[in-house]
Amino acid sequence: EEIIRQAGVYHPNVKVVSNFMDFDDNGVLRGFKGELIHVYNKHEGAL
């Protein structure tokens, strides 16, 4: 998201589904949100 934001192309018609970091209240990484998306389980992710 930061890459496309800095490139000036994160328009309202864009939706990103990916592995998002989970930060604590102090903004420190403590894990990852939701189910892991990897190269070979995009079928499940799509569903």
All heavy atoms as atom14 arrays in JSON, in Angstrom:
{
  "sequence": "EEIIRQAGVYHPNVKVVSNFMDFDDNGVLRGFKGELIHVYNKHEGAL",
  "atom14_mask": [
    [1, 1, 1, 1, 1, 1, 1, 1, 1, 0, 0, 0, 0, 0],
    [1, 1, 1, 1, 1, 1, 1, 1, 1, 0, 0, 0, 0, 0],
    [1, 1, 1, 1, 1, 1, 1, 1, 0, 0, 0, 0, 0, 0],
    [1, 1, 1, 1, 1, 1, 1, 1, 0, 0, 0, 0, 0, 0],
    [1, 1, 1, 1, 1, 1, 1, 1, 1, 1, 1, 0, 0, 0],
    [1, 1, 1, 1, 1, 1, 1, 1, 1, 0, 0, 0, 0, 0],
    [1, 1, 1, 1, 1, 0, 0, 0, 0, 0, 0, 0, 0, 0],
    [1, 1, 1, 1, 0, 0, 0, 0, 0, 0, 0, 0, 0, 0],
    [1, 1, 1, 1, 1, 1, 1, 0, 0, 0, 0, 0, 0, 0],
    [1, 1, 1, 1, 1, 1, 1, 1, 1, 1, 1, 1, 0, 0],
    [1, 1, 1, 1, 1, 1, 1, 1, 1, 1, 0, 0, 0, 0],
    [1, 1, 1, 1, 1, 1, 1, 0, 0, 0, 0, 0, 0, 0],
    [1, 1, 1, 1, 1, 1, 1, 1, 0, 0, 0, 0, 0, 0],
    [1, 1, 1, 1, 1, 1, 1, 0, 0, 0, 0, 0, 0, 0],
    [1, 1, 1, 1, 1, 1, 1, 1, 1, 0, 0, 0, 0, 0],
    [1, 1, 1, 1, 1, 1, 1, 0, 0, 0, 0, 0, 0, 0],
    [1, 1, 1, 1, 1, 1, 1, 0, 0, 0, 0, 0, 0, 0],
    [1, 1, 1, 1, 1, 1, 0, 0, 0, 0, 0, 0, 0, 0],
    [1, 1, 1, 1, 1, 1, 1, 1, 0, 0, 0, 0, 0, 0],
    [1, 1, 1, 1, 1, 1, 1, 1, 1, 1, 1, 0, 0, 0],
    [1, 1, 1, 1, 1, 1, 1, 1, 0, 0, 0, 0, 0, 0],
    [1, 1, 1, 1, 1, 1, 1, 1, 0, 0, 0, 0, 0, 0],
    [1, 1, 1, 1, 1, 1, 1, 1, 1, 1, 1, 0, 0, 0],
    [1, 1, 1, 1, 1, 1, 1, 1, 0, 0, 0, 0, 0, 0],
    [1, 1, 1, 1, 1, 1, 1, 1, 0, 0, 0, 0, 0, 0],
    [1, 1, 1, 1, 1, 1, 1, 1, 0, 0, 0, 0, 0, 0],
    [1, 1, 1, 1, 0, 0, 0, 0, 0, 0, 0, 0, 0, 0],
    [1, 1, 1, 1, 1, 1, 1, 0, 0, 0, 0, 0, 0, 0],
    [1, 1, 1, 1, 1, 1, 1, 1, 0, 0, 0, 0, 0, 0],
    [1, 1, 1, 1, 1, 1, 1, 1, 1, 1, 1, 0, 0, 0],
    [1, 1, 1, 1, 0, 0, 0, 0, 0, 0, 0, 0, 0, 0],
    [1, 1, 1, 1, 1, 1, 1, 1, 1, 1, 1, 0, 0, 0],
    [1, 1, 1, 1, 1, 1, 1, 1, 1, 0, 0, 0, 0, 0],
    [1, 1, 1, 1, 0, 0, 0, 0, 0, 0, 0, 0, 0, 0],
    [1, 1, 1, 1, 1, 1, 1, 1, 1, 0, 0, 0, 0, 0],
    [1, 1, 1, 1, 1, 1, 1, 1, 0, 0, 0, 0, 0, 0],
    [1, 1, 1, 1, 1, 1, 1, 1, 0, 0, 0, 0, 0, 0],
    [1, 1, 1, 1, 1, 1, 1, 1, 1, 1, 0, 0, 0, 0],
    [1, 1, 1, 1, 1, 1, 1, 0, 0, 0, 0, 0, 0, 0],
    [1, 1, 1, 1, 1, 1, 1, 1, 1, 1, 1, 1, 0, 0],
    [1, 1, 1, 1, 1, 1, 1, 1, 0, 0, 0, 0, 0, 0],
    [1, 1, 1, 1, 1, 1, 1, 1, 1, 0, 0, 0, 0, 0],
    [1, 1, 1, 1, 1, 1, 1, 1, 1, 1, 0, 0, 0, 0],
    [1, 1, 1, 1, 1, 1, 1, 1, 1, 0, 0, 0, 0, 0],
    [1, 1, 1, 1, 0, 0, 0, 0, 0, 0, 0, 0, 0, 0],
    [1, 1, 1, 1, 1, 0, 0, 0, 0, 0, 0, 0, 0, 0],
    [1, 1, 1, 1, 1, 1, 1, 1, 0, 0, 0, 0, 0, 0]
  ],
  "atom14_positions": [
    [[0.83, -1.21, 0.0], [0.0, 0.0, 0.0], [0.86, 1.26, 0.0], [0.54, 2.24, -0.66], [-0.93, 0.01, 1.22], [-2.07, -0.98, 1.11], [-3.12, -0.81, 2.2], [-2.78, -0.37, 3.31], [-4.29, -1.12, 1.93], [0.0, 0.0, 0.0], [0.0, 0.0, 0.0], [0.0, 0.0, 0.0], [0.0, 0.0, 0.0], [0.0, 0.0, 0.0]],
    [[1.96, 1.2, 0.73], [2.86, 2.36, 0.8], [3.51, 2.61, -0.56], [3.66, 3.76, -0.99], [3.93, 2.1, 1.88], [4.68, 3.33, 2.33], [3.79, 4.51, 2.77], [2.84, 4.32, 3.56], [4.06, 5.62, 2.29], [0.0, 0.0, 0.0], [0.0, 0.0, 0.0], [0.0, 0.0, 0.0], [0.0, 0.0, 0.0], [0.0, 0.0, 0.0]],
    [[3.87, 1.53, -1.28], [4.49, 1.69, -2.61], [3.51, 2.37, -3.56], [3.86, 3.33, -4.25], [4.91, 0.31, -3.19], [6.05, -0.3, -2.37], [5.36, 0.47, -4.66], [6.37, -1.75, -2.73], [0.0, 0.0, 0.0], [0.0, 0.0, 0.0], [0.0, 0.0, 0.0], [0.0, 0.0, 0.0], [0.0, 0.0, 0.0], [0.0, 0.0, 0.0]],
    [[2.26, 1.88, -3.61], [1.32, 2.48, -4.58], [0.86, 3.86, -4.12], [0.56, 4.72, -4.94], [0.12, 1.55, -4.92], [-0.69, 1.14, -3.7], [0.61, 0.32, -5.67], [-1.93, 0.3, -4.04], [0.0, 0.0, 0.0], [0.0, 0.0, 0.0], [0.0, 0.0, 0.0], [0.0, 0.0, 0.0], [0.0, 0.0, 0.0], [0.0, 0.0, 0.0]],
    [[0.87, 4.1, -2.81], [0.52, 5.44, -2.31], [1.61, 6.43, -2.73], [1.33, 7.5, -3.26], [0.4, 5.39, -0.78], [-0.3, 6.6, -0.18], [-0.46, 6.46, 1.33], [-1.46, 5.46, 1.69], [-1.23, 4.39, 2.47], [-0.04, 4.2, 3.0], [-2.19, 3.54, 2.73], [0.0, 0.0, 0.0], [0.0, 0.0, 0.0], [0.0, 0.0, 0.0]],
    [[2.88, 6.04, -2.53], [3.98, 6.93, -2.9], [4.07, 7.13, -4.41], [4.53, 8.16, -4.89], [5.3, 6.4, -2.33], [5.37, 6.52, -0.81], [6.72, 6.1, -0.22], [7.72, 5.99, -0.92], [6.74, 5.85, 1.08], [0.0, 0.0, 0.0], [0.0, 0.0, 0.0], [0.0, 0.0, 0.0], [0.0, 0.0, 0.0], [0.0, 0.0, 0.0]],
    [[3.59, 6.13, -5.16], [3.61, 6.25, -6.63], [2.42, 7.09, -7.11], [2.3, 7.39, -8.3], [3.56, 4.87, -7.27], [0.0, 0.0, 0.0], [0.0, 0.0, 0.0], [0.0, 0.0, 0.0], [0.0, 0.0, 0.0], [0.0, 0.0, 0.0], [0.0, 0.0, 0.0], [0.0, 0.0, 0.0], [0.0, 0.0, 0.0], [0.0, 0.0, 0.0]],
    [[1.51, 7.43, -6.18], [0.36, 8.26, -6.53], [-0.74, 7.53, -7.28], [-1.51, 8.13, -8.01], [0.0, 0.0, 0.0], [0.0, 0.0, 0.0], [0.0, 0.0, 0.0], [0.0, 0.0, 0.0], [0.0, 0.0, 0.0], [0.0, 0.0, 0.0], [0.0, 0.0, 0.0], [0.0, 0.0, 0.0], [0.0, 0.0, 0.0], [0.0, 0.0, 0.0]],
    [[-0.81, 6.19, -7.09], [-1.82, 5.44, -7.85], [-2.77, 4.64, -6.95], [-3.49, 3.77, -7.44], [-1.16, 4.48, -8.89], [-0.45, 5.3, -9.96], [-0.19, 3.52, -8.23], [0.0, 0.0, 0.0], [0.0, 0.0, 0.0], [0.0, 0.0, 0.0], [0.0, 0.0, 0.0], [0.0, 0.0, 0.0], [0.0, 0.0, 0.0], [0.0, 0.0, 0.0]],
    [[-2.79, 4.96, -5.64], [-3.72, 4.23, -4.76], [-5.08, 4.92, -4.83], [-5.5, 5.62, -3.92], [-3.17, 4.19, -3.33], [-3.78, 3.09, -2.47], [-3.3, 2.83, -1.19], [-4.84, 2.31, -2.93], [-3.84, 1.82, -0.41], [-5.38, 1.3, -2.16], [-4.87, 1.05, -0.9], [-5.41, 0.04, -0.13], [0.0, 0.0, 0.0], [0.0, 0.0, 0.0]],
    [[-5.77, 4.7, -5.94], [-7.06, 5.35, -6.18], [-8.19, 4.59, -5.5], [-8.02, 3.43, -5.1], [-7.31, 5.45, -7.69], [-6.22, 6.15, -8.45], [-5.76, 7.39, -8.09], [-5.49, 5.78, -9.54], [-4.8, 7.76, -8.92], [-4.61, 6.8, -9.8], [0.0, 0.0, 0.0], [0.0, 0.0, 0.0], [0.0, 0.0, 0.0], [0.0, 0.0, 0.0]],
    [[-9.38, 5.19, -5.39], [-10.51, 4.54, -4.71], [-10.99, 3.24, -5.39], [-11.65, 2.43, -4.76], [-11.63, 5.59, -4.78], [-10.93, 6.89, -5.0], [-9.69, 6.58, -5.77], [0.0, 0.0, 0.0], [0.0, 0.0, 0.0], [0.0, 0.0, 0.0], [0.0, 0.0, 0.0], [0.0, 0.0, 0.0], [0.0, 0.0, 0.0], [0.0, 0.0, 0.0]],
    [[-10.62, 3.04, -6.66], [-11.06, 1.81, -7.34], [-10.12, 0.62, -7.09], [-10.29, -0.45, -7.65], [-11.17, 2.04, -8.86], [-9.83, 2.41, -9.49], [-9.05, 3.16, -8.91], [-9.55, 1.91, -10.67], [0.0, 0.0, 0.0], [0.0, 0.0, 0.0], [0.0, 0.0, 0.0], [0.0, 0.0, 0.0], [0.0, 0.0, 0.0], [0.0, 0.0, 0.0]],
    [[-9.12, 0.84, -6.21], [-8.13, -0.21, -5.94], [-8.4, -0.86, -4.58], [-8.53, -0.16, -3.57], [-6.69, 0.39, -5.92], [-5.66, -0.67, -5.57], [-6.36, 1.05, -7.26], [0.0, 0.0, 0.0], [0.0, 0.0, 0.0], [0.0, 0.0, 0.0], [0.0, 0.0, 0.0], [0.0, 0.0, 0.0], [0.0, 0.0, 0.0], [0.0, 0.0, 0.0]],
    [[-8.48, -2.19, -4.58], [-8.62, -2.92, -3.31], [-7.43, -3.86, -3.17], [-7.06, -4.56, -4.11], [-9.92, -3.73, -3.3], [-10.07, -4.55, -1.99], [-11.41, -5.27, -1.91], [-11.47, -6.24, -0.75], [-11.45, -5.59, 0.56], [0.0, 0.0, 0.0], [0.0, 0.0, 0.0], [0.0, 0.0, 0.0], [0.0, 0.0, 0.0], [0.0, 0.0, 0.0]],
    [[-6.82, -3.84, -1.98], [-5.64, -4.68, -1.74], [-5.99, -5.79, -0.74], [-6.5, -5.52, 0.36], [-4.47, -3.84, -1.17], [-3.28, -4.73, -0.81], [-4.06, -2.76, -2.17], [0.0, 0.0, 0.0], [0.0, 0.0, 0.0], [0.0, 0.0, 0.0], [0.0, 0.0, 0.0], [0.0, 0.0, 0.0], [0.0, 0.0, 0.0], [0.0, 0.0, 0.0]],
    [[-5.7, -7.02, -1.12], [-5.8, -8.15, -0.19], [-4.42, -8.77, -0.11], [-3.83, -9.13, -1.13], [-6.85, -9.18, -0.67], [-6.78, -10.46, 0.15], [-8.25, -8.58, -0.58], [0.0, 0.0, 0.0], [0.0, 0.0, 0.0], [0.0, 0.0, 0.0], [0.0, 0.0, 0.0], [0.0, 0.0, 0.0], [0.0, 0.0, 0.0], [0.0, 0.0, 0.0]],
    [[-3.89, -8.85, 1.12], [-2.5, -9.28, 1.28], [-2.27, -9.69, 2.73], [-3.22, -9.81, 3.51], [-1.58, -8.11, 0.87], [-0.24, -8.53, 0.85], [0.0, 0.0, 0.0], [0.0, 0.0, 0.0], [0.0, 0.0, 0.0], [0.0, 0.0, 0.0], [0.0, 0.0, 0.0], [0.0, 0.0, 0.0], [0.0, 0.0, 0.0], [0.0, 0.0, 0.0]],
    [[-1.01, -9.89, 3.08], [-0.65, -10.2, 4.47], [-0.37, -8.89, 5.21], [0.67, -8.26, 4.97], [0.59, -11.1, 4.51], [0.34, -12.43, 3.83], [-0.57, -13.16, 4.19], [1.14, -12.74, 2.82], [0.0, 0.0, 0.0], [0.0, 0.0, 0.0], [0.0, 0.0, 0.0], [0.0, 0.0, 0.0], [0.0, 0.0, 0.0], [0.0, 0.0, 0.0]],
    [[-1.3, -8.49, 6.05], [-1.13, -7.22, 6.76], [-0.55, -7.43, 8.15], [-0.9, -8.39, 8.85], [-2.47, -6.47, 6.84], [-2.83, -5.78, 5.56], [-3.62, -6.41, 4.61], [-2.33, -4.51, 5.29], [-3.93, -5.78, 3.4], [-2.63, -3.87, 4.09], [-3.42, -4.51, 3.15], [0.0, 0.0, 0.0], [0.0, 0.0, 0.0], [0.0, 0.0, 0.0]],
    [[0.34, -6.53, 8.51], [0.98, -6.6, 9.82], [0.0, -6.19, 10.91], [-0.87, -5.37, 10.69], [2.21, -5.68, 9.84], [3.28, -6.05, 8.84], [4.59, -4.79, 8.83], [5.83, -5.63, 7.85], [0.0, 0.0, 0.0], [0.0, 0.0, 0.0], [0.0, 0.0, 0.0], [0.0, 0.0, 0.0], [0.0, 0.0, 0.0], [0.0, 0.0, 0.0]],
    [[0.2, -6.78, 12.07], [-0.63, -6.44, 13.24], [0.27, -5.72, 14.24], [1.26, -6.29, 14.72], [-1.2, -7.74, 13.83], [-2.16, -7.45, 14.97], [-2.7, -6.32, 15.03], [-2.36, -8.35, 15.81], [0.0, 0.0, 0.0], [0.0, 0.0, 0.0], [0.0, 0.0, 0.0], [0.0, 0.0, 0.0], [0.0, 0.0, 0.0], [0.0, 0.0, 0.0]],
    [[-0.03, -4.45, 14.49], [0.8, -3.65, 15.38], [0.09, -3.48, 16.73], [-1.14, -3.41, 16.79], [1.05, -2.27, 14.77], [1.85, -2.31, 13.5], [1.22, -2.3, 12.25], [3.23, -2.37, 13.53], [1.95, -2.34, 11.08], [3.98, -2.4, 12.36], [3.33, -2.39, 11.12], [0.0, 0.0, 0.0], [0.0, 0.0, 0.0], [0.0, 0.0, 0.0]],
    [[0.87, -3.39, 17.79], [0.27, -3.15, 19.12], [-0.06, -1.66, 19.27], [0.12, -0.87, 18.35], [1.18, -3.67, 20.24], [2.5, -2.91, 20.34], [2.6, -1.79, 19.78], [3.44, -3.41, 20.98], [0.0, 0.0, 0.0], [0.0, 0.0, 0.0], [0.0, 0.0, 0.0], [0.0, 0.0, 0.0], [0.0, 0.0, 0.0], [0.0, 0.0, 0.0]],
    [[-0.52, -1.29, 20.45], [-0.96, 0.1, 20.68], [0.18, 1.11, 20.51], [-0.05, 2.3, 20.29], [-1.57, 0.26, 22.08], [-2.86, -0.55, 22.18], [-3.41, -0.9, 21.12], [-3.29, -0.86, 23.31], [0.0, 0.0, 0.0], [0.0, 0.0, 0.0], [0.0, 0.0, 0.0], [0.0, 0.0, 0.0], [0.0, 0.0, 0.0], [0.0, 0.0, 0.0]],
    [[1.41, 0.64, 20.63], [2.56, 1.53, 20.47], [3.1, 1.51, 19.03], [4.15, 2.08, 18.75], [3.68, 1.12, 21.43], [3.24, 1.23, 22.88], [2.6, 2.22, 23.26], [3.53, 0.22, 23.68], [0.0, 0.0, 0.0], [0.0, 0.0, 0.0], [0.0, 0.0, 0.0], [0.0, 0.0, 0.0], [0.0, 0.0, 0.0], [0.0, 0.0, 0.0]],
    [[2.36, 0.83, 18.15], [2.79, 0.79, 16.74], [3.95, -0.14, 16.49], [4.7, 0.01, 15.53], [0.0, 0.0, 0.0], [0.0, 0.0, 0.0], [0.0, 0.0, 0.0], [0.0, 0.0, 0.0], [0.0, 0.0, 0.0], [0.0, 0.0, 0.0], [0.0, 0.0, 0.0], [0.0, 0.0, 0.0], [0.0, 0.0, 0.0], [0.0, 0.0, 0.0]],
    [[4.1, -1.17, 17.36], [5.2, -2.14, 17.2], [4.62, -3.46, 16.67], [3.59, -3.93, 17.16], [5.93, -2.37, 18.54], [6.97, -3.47, 18.41], [6.58, -1.07, 19.01], [0.0, 0.0, 0.0], [0.0, 0.0, 0.0], [0.0, 0.0, 0.0], [0.0, 0.0, 0.0], [0.0, 0.0, 0.0], [0.0, 0.0, 0.0], [0.0, 0.0, 0.0]],
    [[5.3, -4.04, 15.69], [4.81, -5.27, 15.07], [4.73, -6.41, 16.1], [5.69, -6.69, 16.82], [5.76, -5.69, 13.93], [5.4, -6.97, 13.18], [4.07, -6.82, 12.46], [6.49, -7.37, 12.21], [0.0, 0.0, 0.0], [0.0, 0.0, 0.0], [0.0, 0.0, 0.0], [0.0, 0.0, 0.0], [0.0, 0.0, 0.0], [0.0, 0.0, 0.0]],
    [[3.54, -7.05, 16.16], [3.42, -8.17, 17.09], [2.94, -9.45, 16.39], [2.82, -10.5, 17.0], [2.44, -7.81, 18.21], [1.03, -7.51, 17.73], [0.07, -7.3, 18.87], [-1.24, -6.9, 18.36], [-2.18, -6.34, 19.12], [-1.94, -6.08, 20.38], [-3.35, -6.01, 18.59], [0.0, 0.0, 0.0], [0.0, 0.0, 0.0], [0.0, 0.0, 0.0]],
    [[2.64, -9.35, 15.11], [2.18, -10.53, 14.38], [1.57, -10.11, 13.05], [1.79, -9.0, 12.58], [0.0, 0.0, 0.0], [0.0, 0.0, 0.0], [0.0, 0.0, 0.0], [0.0, 0.0, 0.0], [0.0, 0.0, 0.0], [0.0, 0.0, 0.0], [0.0, 0.0, 0.0], [0.0, 0.0, 0.0], [0.0, 0.0, 0.0], [0.0, 0.0, 0.0]],
    [[0.78, -11.03, 12.49], [0.12, -10.76, 11.21], [-1.37, -11.05, 11.33], [-1.78, -11.91, 12.09], [0.75, -11.6, 10.09], [2.1, -11.09, 9.69], [3.23, -11.4, 10.43], [2.25, -10.25, 8.6], [4.49, -10.89, 10.09], [3.48, -9.74, 8.25], [4.6, -10.06, 8.99], [0.0, 0.0, 0.0], [0.0, 0.0, 0.0], [0.0, 0.0, 0.0]],
    [[-2.17, -10.29, 10.57], [-3.63, -10.43, 10.67], [-4.14, -11.53, 9.76], [-3.62, -11.72, 8.65], [-4.3, -9.11, 10.24], [-3.97, -7.92, 11.12], [-4.56, -6.65, 10.5], [-4.18, -5.41, 11.31], [-4.57, -4.18, 10.63], [0.0, 0.0, 0.0], [0.0, 0.0, 0.0], [0.0, 0.0, 0.0], [0.0, 0.0, 0.0], [0.0, 0.0, 0.0]],
    [[-5.19, -12.2, 10.21], [-5.94, -13.12, 9.33], [-5.14, -14.32, 8.85], [-4.08, -14.64, 9.37], [0.0, 0.0, 0.0], [0.0, 0.0, 0.0], [0.0, 0.0, 0.0], [0.0, 0.0, 0.0], [0.0, 0.0, 0.0], [0.0, 0.0, 0.0], [0.0, 0.0, 0.0], [0.0, 0.0, 0.0], [0.0, 0.0, 0.0], [0.0, 0.0, 0.0]],
    [[-5.68, -14.94, 7.83], [-5.07, -16.15, 7.28], [-3.89, -15.76, 6.39], [-3.95, -14.8, 5.65], [-6.09, -16.89, 6.4], [-7.36, -17.32, 7.14], [-7.18, -18.61, 7.9], [-6.35, -19.44, 7.48], [-7.85, -18.76, 8.94], [0.0, 0.0, 0.0], [0.0, 0.0, 0.0], [0.0, 0.0, 0.0], [0.0, 0.0, 0.0], [0.0, 0.0, 0.0]],
    [[-2.85, -16.59, 6.43], [-1.68, -16.37, 5.58], [-2.06, -16.53, 4.11], [-2.74, -17.48, 3.73], [-0.6, -17.39, 5.95], [0.62, -17.43, 5.02], [1.46, -16.16, 5.2], [1.48, -18.66, 5.31], [0.0, 0.0, 0.0], [0.0, 0.0, 0.0], [0.0, 0.0, 0.0], [0.0, 0.0, 0.0], [0.0, 0.0, 0.0], [0.0, 0.0, 0.0]],
    [[-1.63, -15.57, 3.29], [-1.76, -15.73, 1.84], [-0.36, -16.0, 1.3], [0.56, -15.22, 1.53], [-2.3, -14.45, 1.17], [-3.69, -14.1, 1.71], [-2.35, -14.62, -0.35], [-4.19, -12.73, 1.27], [0.0, 0.0, 0.0], [0.0, 0.0, 0.0], [0.0, 0.0, 0.0], [0.0, 0.0, 0.0], [0.0, 0.0, 0.0], [0.0, 0.0, 0.0]],
    [[-0.21, -17.13, 0.61], [1.08, -17.38, -0.04], [0.81, -17.73, -1.5], [-0.33, -17.79, -1.95], [1.89, -18.45, 0.69], [1.21, -19.78, 0.79], [1.15, -20.66, -0.26], [0.56, -20.37, 1.83], [0.5, -21.75, 0.12], [0.11, -21.6, 1.38], [0.0, 0.0, 0.0], [0.0, 0.0, 0.0], [0.0, 0.0, 0.0], [0.0, 0.0, 0.0]],
    [[1.9, -17.94, -2.23], [1.82, -18.12, -3.67], [0.86, -19.24, -4.09], [0.22, -19.16, -5.12], [3.26, -18.42, -4.19], [3.26, -19.03, -5.55], [4.07, -17.15, -4.19], [0.0, 0.0, 0.0], [0.0, 0.0, 0.0], [0.0, 0.0, 0.0], [0.0, 0.0, 0.0], [0.0, 0.0, 0.0], [0.0, 0.0, 0.0], [0.0, 0.0, 0.0]],
    [[0.75, -20.28, -3.25], [-0.01, -21.45, -3.69], [-1.33, -21.66, -2.96], [-1.91, -22.72, -3.06], [0.87, -22.7, -3.59], [2.0, -22.64, -4.58], [3.33, -22.62, -4.15], [1.75, -22.53, -5.95], [4.37, -22.52, -5.07], [2.78, -22.43, -6.86], [4.08, -22.43, -6.43], [5.1, -22.32, -7.33], [0.0, 0.0, 0.0], [0.0, 0.0, 0.0]],
    [[-1.81, -20.66, -2.22], [-3.17, -20.83, -1.64], [-4.09, -19.69, -2.03], [-5.01, -19.34, -1.32], [-3.1, -21.01, -0.12], [-2.79, -19.71, 0.61], [-2.38, -18.73, -0.02], [-2.96, -19.69, 1.9], [0.0, 0.0, 0.0], [0.0, 0.0, 0.0], [0.0, 0.0, 0.0], [0.0, 0.0, 0.0], [0.0, 0.0, 0.0], [0.0, 0.0, 0.0]],
    [[-3.82, -19.11, -3.19], [-4.65, -17.98, -3.62], [-6.08, -18.43, -3.96], [-6.99, -17.62, -3.93], [-4.0, -17.24, -4.78], [-2.8, -16.4, -4.32], [-2.34, -15.44, -5.39], [-1.33, -14.44, -4.82], [-0.85, -13.5, -5.85], [0.0, 0.0, 0.0], [0.0, 0.0, 0.0], [0.0, 0.0, 0.0], [0.0, 0.0, 0.0], [0.0, 0.0, 0.0]],
    [[-6.25, -19.71, -4.25], [-7.6, -20.22, -4.5], [-8.48, -20.01, -3.27], [-9.55, -19.42, -3.33], [-7.54, -21.71, -4.86], [-8.88, -22.38, -4.83], [-9.82, -22.2, -5.83], [-9.45, -23.21, -3.92], [-10.9, -22.9, -5.53], [-10.7, -23.52, -4.38], [0.0, 0.0, 0.0], [0.0, 0.0, 0.0], [0.0, 0.0, 0.0], [0.0, 0.0, 0.0]],
    [[-7.96, -20.45, -2.11], [-8.72, -20.28, -0.86], [-8.92, -18.81, -0.55], [-9.99, -18.39, -0.1], [-7.98, -20.95, 0.32], [-7.93, -22.46, 0.28], [-6.89, -22.99, -0.7], [-6.09, -22.21, -1.25], [-6.89, -24.2, -0.95], [0.0, 0.0, 0.0], [0.0, 0.0, 0.0], [0.0, 0.0, 0.0], [0.0, 0.0, 0.0], [0.0, 0.0, 0.0]],
    [[-7.89, -18.02, -0.78], [-7.97, -16.57, -0.53], [-9.04, -15.93, -1.39], [-9.79, -15.06, -0.95], [0.0, 0.0, 0.0], [0.0, 0.0, 0.0], [0.0, 0.0, 0.0], [0.0, 0.0, 0.0], [0.0, 0.0, 0.0], [0.0, 0.0, 0.0], [0.0, 0.0, 0.0], [0.0, 0.0, 0.0], [0.0, 0.0, 0.0], [0.0, 0.0, 0.0]],
    [[-9.11, -16.38, -2.65], [-10.11, -15.83, -3.57], [-11.51, -16.15, -3.06], [-12.42, -15.32, -3.1], [-9.91, -16.41, -4.97], [0.0, 0.0, 0.0], [0.0, 0.0, 0.0], [0.0, 0.0, 0.0], [0.0, 0.0, 0.0], [0.0, 0.0, 0.0], [0.0, 0.0, 0.0], [0.0, 0.0, 0.0], [0.0, 0.0, 0.0], [0.0, 0.0, 0.0]],
    [[-11.68, -17.37, -2.54], [-13.0, -17.78, -2.06], [-13.37, -17.03, -0.78], [-14.55, -16.79, -0.51], [-13.05, -19.29, -1.84], [-12.84, -20.12, -3.12], [-13.04, -21.6, -2.84], [-13.77, -19.68, -4.25], [0.0, 0.0, 0.0], [0.0, 0.0, 0.0], [0.0, 0.0, 0.0], [0.0, 0.0, 0.0], [0.0, 0.0, 0.0], [0.0, 0.0, 0.0]]
  ]
}
